[in-house]
Amino acid sequence: MSVLQREAPAAAGRWRPRPSVRKSILLVHVAASVALLGEVWGLVVLNLTATLTGDLGLAGAAYRLMGTLVFAGGIPLSLTALASGVALGLGSHWGLARHTWVFAKLLLLLGVILCGMLLFTPEAMAEAMRASTRGGARPEGRQWGQVAVVSAQLAMLLTATGLSVFRPRGRLRWTRRRS
């Protein structure tokens, strides 16, 4: 049996990009993921600055800048990393839900996106800081909560990066029977 005959049934039921297309998608994925990691690190630094400073004006400005970073960087980068990662998973032998490290990376990125959507509120914190400059109480507990959210996002992204580098062995149970 020739090489083409052996590979034809596997390739017939699945999308396989040409190597140049796959490498281009991989480049986009790595660039978006690294940029997202840097953006989240910047959010951690800004959050800590806003939380630890005694200058309410600086804290409010830091929270306003965080909102800009999220909309200009975080959202587009996370969606780009998600879309390119799904494309890579579907177009390669790794699959999306075949190997534990690929599936874990997908879940971690979804966790980063959900934390950002549901728990991270820089606009509300900027408004709270404006209110505290007019005599209101400083939102101390909420500030540390915001630091915890972006720190958890950073930990998830670092874990996903480690999974990409080390690629631990193991397949998910529901795929073992088919292979």
Protein backbone atom coordinates (compact mmCIF):
# COMPACT_ATOMS: atom_id res chain seq x y z
CA MET A 1 0.00 0.00 0.00
CA SER A 2 1.40 3.39 -0.92
CA VAL A 3 1.83 6.32 1.46
CA LEU A 4 -1.01 8.20 -0.24
CA GLN A 5 -3.41 5.29 0.24
CA ARG A 6 -2.58 4.96 3.93
CA GLU A 7 -3.05 8.68 4.62
CA ALA A 8 -6.14 9.19 2.48
CA PRO A 9 -8.77 7.78 4.93
CA ALA A 10 -7.42 9.80 7.86
CA ALA A 11 -7.25 13.02 5.87
CA ALA A 12 -10.62 12.54 4.16
CA GLY A 13 -12.69 13.21 7.28
CA ARG A 14 -10.72 16.12 8.64
CA TRP A 15 -9.35 19.50 7.66
CA ARG A 16 -5.57 19.51 7.34
CA PRO A 17 -3.96 22.83 6.42
CA ARG A 18 -0.85 22.91 4.26
CA PRO A 19 2.35 23.28 6.28
CA SER A 20 2.75 26.95 5.35
CA VAL A 21 -0.81 27.71 6.48
CA ARG A 22 -0.35 25.74 9.70
CA LYS A 23 2.87 27.61 10.47
CA SER A 24 1.16 30.94 9.80
CA ILE A 25 -1.67 30.04 12.17
CA LEU A 26 0.89 28.88 14.73
CA LEU A 27 2.74 32.20 14.41
CA VAL A 28 -0.48 34.14 15.00
CA HIS A 29 -1.33 31.92 17.97
CA VAL A 30 2.06 32.26 19.65
CA ALA A 31 2.21 36.02 19.05
CA ALA A 32 -1.31 36.59 20.41
CA SER A 33 -0.69 34.35 23.42
CA VAL A 34 2.61 36.02 24.32
CA ALA A 35 1.09 39.49 23.86
CA LEU A 36 -1.87 38.48 26.05
CA LEU A 37 0.53 37.29 28.74
CA GLY A 38 2.31 40.66 28.63
CA GLU A 39 -0.98 42.56 28.71
CA VAL A 40 -2.15 40.64 31.78
CA TRP A 41 1.22 41.25 33.46
CA GLY A 42 0.69 44.97 32.83
CA LEU A 43 -2.76 44.72 34.43
CA VAL A 44 -1.24 43.05 37.51
CA VAL A 45 1.32 45.86 37.85
CA LEU A 46 -1.31 48.58 37.36
CA ASN A 47 -3.65 46.88 39.83
CA LEU A 48 -0.95 46.63 42.47
CA THR A 49 -0.02 50.27 41.88
CA ALA A 50 -3.63 51.38 42.27
CA THR A 51 -4.09 49.26 45.39
CA LEU A 52 -0.87 50.18 47.19
CA THR A 53 -0.65 53.90 46.40
CA GLY A 54 -1.94 56.56 48.72
CA ASP A 55 -2.56 58.91 45.80
CA LEU A 56 -6.24 58.54 44.85
CA GLY A 57 -5.69 60.39 41.57
CA LEU A 58 -2.98 57.93 40.53
CA ALA A 59 -5.18 54.99 41.50
CA GLY A 60 -8.09 56.32 39.46
CA ALA A 61 -5.84 56.93 36.45
CA ALA A 62 -4.44 53.40 36.73
CA TYR A 63 -7.96 51.92 36.70
CA ARG A 64 -8.91 54.05 33.68
CA LEU A 65 -5.78 52.87 31.86
CA MET A 66 -6.66 49.25 32.70
CA GLY A 67 -10.00 49.65 30.93
CA THR A 68 -8.20 50.90 27.83
CA LEU A 69 -5.72 48.02 27.93
CA VAL A 70 -8.50 45.46 28.24
CA PHE A 71 -10.46 46.76 25.27
CA ALA A 72 -7.46 47.57 23.08
CA GLY A 73 -5.40 44.48 23.91
CA GLY A 74 -6.98 41.90 26.17
CA ILE A 75 -10.19 41.22 24.29
CA PRO A 76 -8.76 41.09 20.75
CA LEU A 77 -5.69 39.12 21.85
CA SER A 78 -7.65 36.55 23.83
CA LEU A 79 -10.12 36.00 21.00
CA THR A 80 -7.27 35.73 18.48
CA ALA A 81 -5.46 33.20 20.69
CA LEU A 82 -8.69 31.23 21.11
CA ALA A 83 -9.57 31.19 17.40
CA SER A 84 -6.04 30.31 16.26
CA GLY A 85 -5.72 27.65 18.97
CA VAL A 86 -8.98 26.02 17.92
CA ALA A 87 -7.85 26.12 14.27
CA LEU A 88 -4.54 24.49 15.21
CA GLY A 89 -6.27 21.84 17.28
CA LEU A 90 -8.73 20.98 14.54
CA GLY A 91 -6.10 20.96 11.82
CA SER A 92 -3.44 18.88 13.54
CA HIS A 93 -3.00 15.40 14.96
CA TRP A 94 -3.19 16.84 18.49
CA GLY A 95 -6.91 17.55 18.22
CA LEU A 96 -8.90 19.77 20.57
CA ALA A 97 -10.08 17.12 22.99
CA ARG A 98 -7.73 14.25 22.33
CA HIS A 99 -4.66 15.09 24.42
CA THR A 100 -4.88 16.36 27.98
CA TRP A 101 -2.44 19.25 27.53
CA VAL A 102 -4.31 20.67 24.52
CA PHE A 103 -7.68 20.40 26.24
CA ALA A 104 -6.24 21.91 29.44
CA LYS A 105 -4.88 24.87 27.44
CA LEU A 106 -8.31 25.41 25.91
CA LEU A 107 -9.98 25.35 29.33
CA LEU A 108 -7.36 27.70 30.79
CA LEU A 109 -7.84 30.25 28.01
CA LEU A 110 -11.61 30.05 28.43
CA GLY A 111 -11.04 30.61 32.16
CA VAL A 112 -8.96 33.71 31.44
CA ILE A 113 -11.69 35.07 29.15
CA LEU A 114 -14.47 34.34 31.66
CA CYS A 115 -12.55 35.91 34.56
CA GLY A 116 -12.03 39.01 32.48
CA MET A 117 -15.68 39.16 31.44
CA LEU A 118 -17.32 38.38 34.75
CA LEU A 119 -14.94 39.43 37.53
CA PHE A 120 -12.60 42.16 36.30
CA THR A 121 -14.21 45.62 36.55
CA PRO A 122 -11.67 48.41 36.06
CA GLU A 123 -14.36 50.92 35.03
CA ALA A 124 -16.29 50.35 38.26
CA MET A 125 -13.09 50.68 40.24
CA ALA A 126 -12.22 53.96 38.48
CA GLU A 127 -15.68 55.27 39.36
CA ALA A 128 -15.23 54.15 42.99
CA MET A 129 -11.90 55.98 43.12
CA ARG A 130 -13.54 59.14 41.75
CA ALA A 131 -16.20 58.86 44.46
CA SER A 132 -13.55 58.39 47.14
CA THR A 133 -11.77 61.58 46.05
CA ARG A 134 -15.06 63.39 46.75
CA GLY A 135 -15.14 62.11 50.32
CA GLY A 136 -16.35 58.51 49.92
CA ALA A 137 -14.63 55.46 51.35
CA ARG A 138 -11.83 53.84 49.40
CA PRO A 139 -12.90 50.37 48.13
CA GLU A 140 -10.07 48.44 49.85
CA GLY A 141 -11.55 44.92 49.70
CA ARG A 142 -12.63 45.33 46.11
CA GLN A 143 -9.16 46.49 45.13
CA TRP A 144 -7.51 43.32 46.41
CA GLY A 145 -10.22 41.29 44.69
CA GLN A 146 -9.25 42.89 41.39
CA VAL A 147 -5.58 42.08 42.05
CA ALA A 148 -6.58 38.46 42.73
CA VAL A 149 -8.53 38.22 39.45
CA VAL A 150 -5.70 39.42 37.22
CA SER A 151 -3.16 37.39 39.22
CA ALA A 152 -5.28 34.27 38.61
CA GLN A 153 -5.41 35.13 34.91
CA LEU A 154 -1.63 35.47 34.88
CA ALA A 155 -1.24 32.09 36.63
CA MET A 156 -3.57 30.45 34.08
CA LEU A 157 -1.63 31.91 31.14
CA LEU A 158 1.71 30.84 32.63
CA THR A 159 0.33 27.33 33.17
CA ALA A 160 -0.85 27.20 29.55
CA THR A 161 2.61 28.33 28.42
CA GLY A 162 4.20 25.57 30.49
CA LEU A 163 1.85 23.01 28.98
CA SER A 164 2.85 24.17 25.49
CA VAL A 165 6.52 23.73 26.26
CA PHE A 166 6.45 20.44 28.18
CA ARG A 167 3.44 18.73 26.50
CA PRO A 168 2.79 16.16 29.22
CA ARG A 169 1.72 12.76 27.97
CA GLY A 170 -1.78 11.54 28.35
CA ARG A 171 -4.94 11.25 26.37
CA LEU A 172 -8.46 11.97 27.44
CA ARG A 173 -10.49 8.85 28.23
CA TRP A 174 -13.25 9.36 25.69
CA THR A 175 -10.69 9.38 22.85
CA ARG A 176 -8.73 6.29 23.87
CA ARG A 177 -11.36 3.88 22.59
CA ARG A 178 -11.52 5.37 19.10
CA SER A 179 -7.76 5.49 18.51
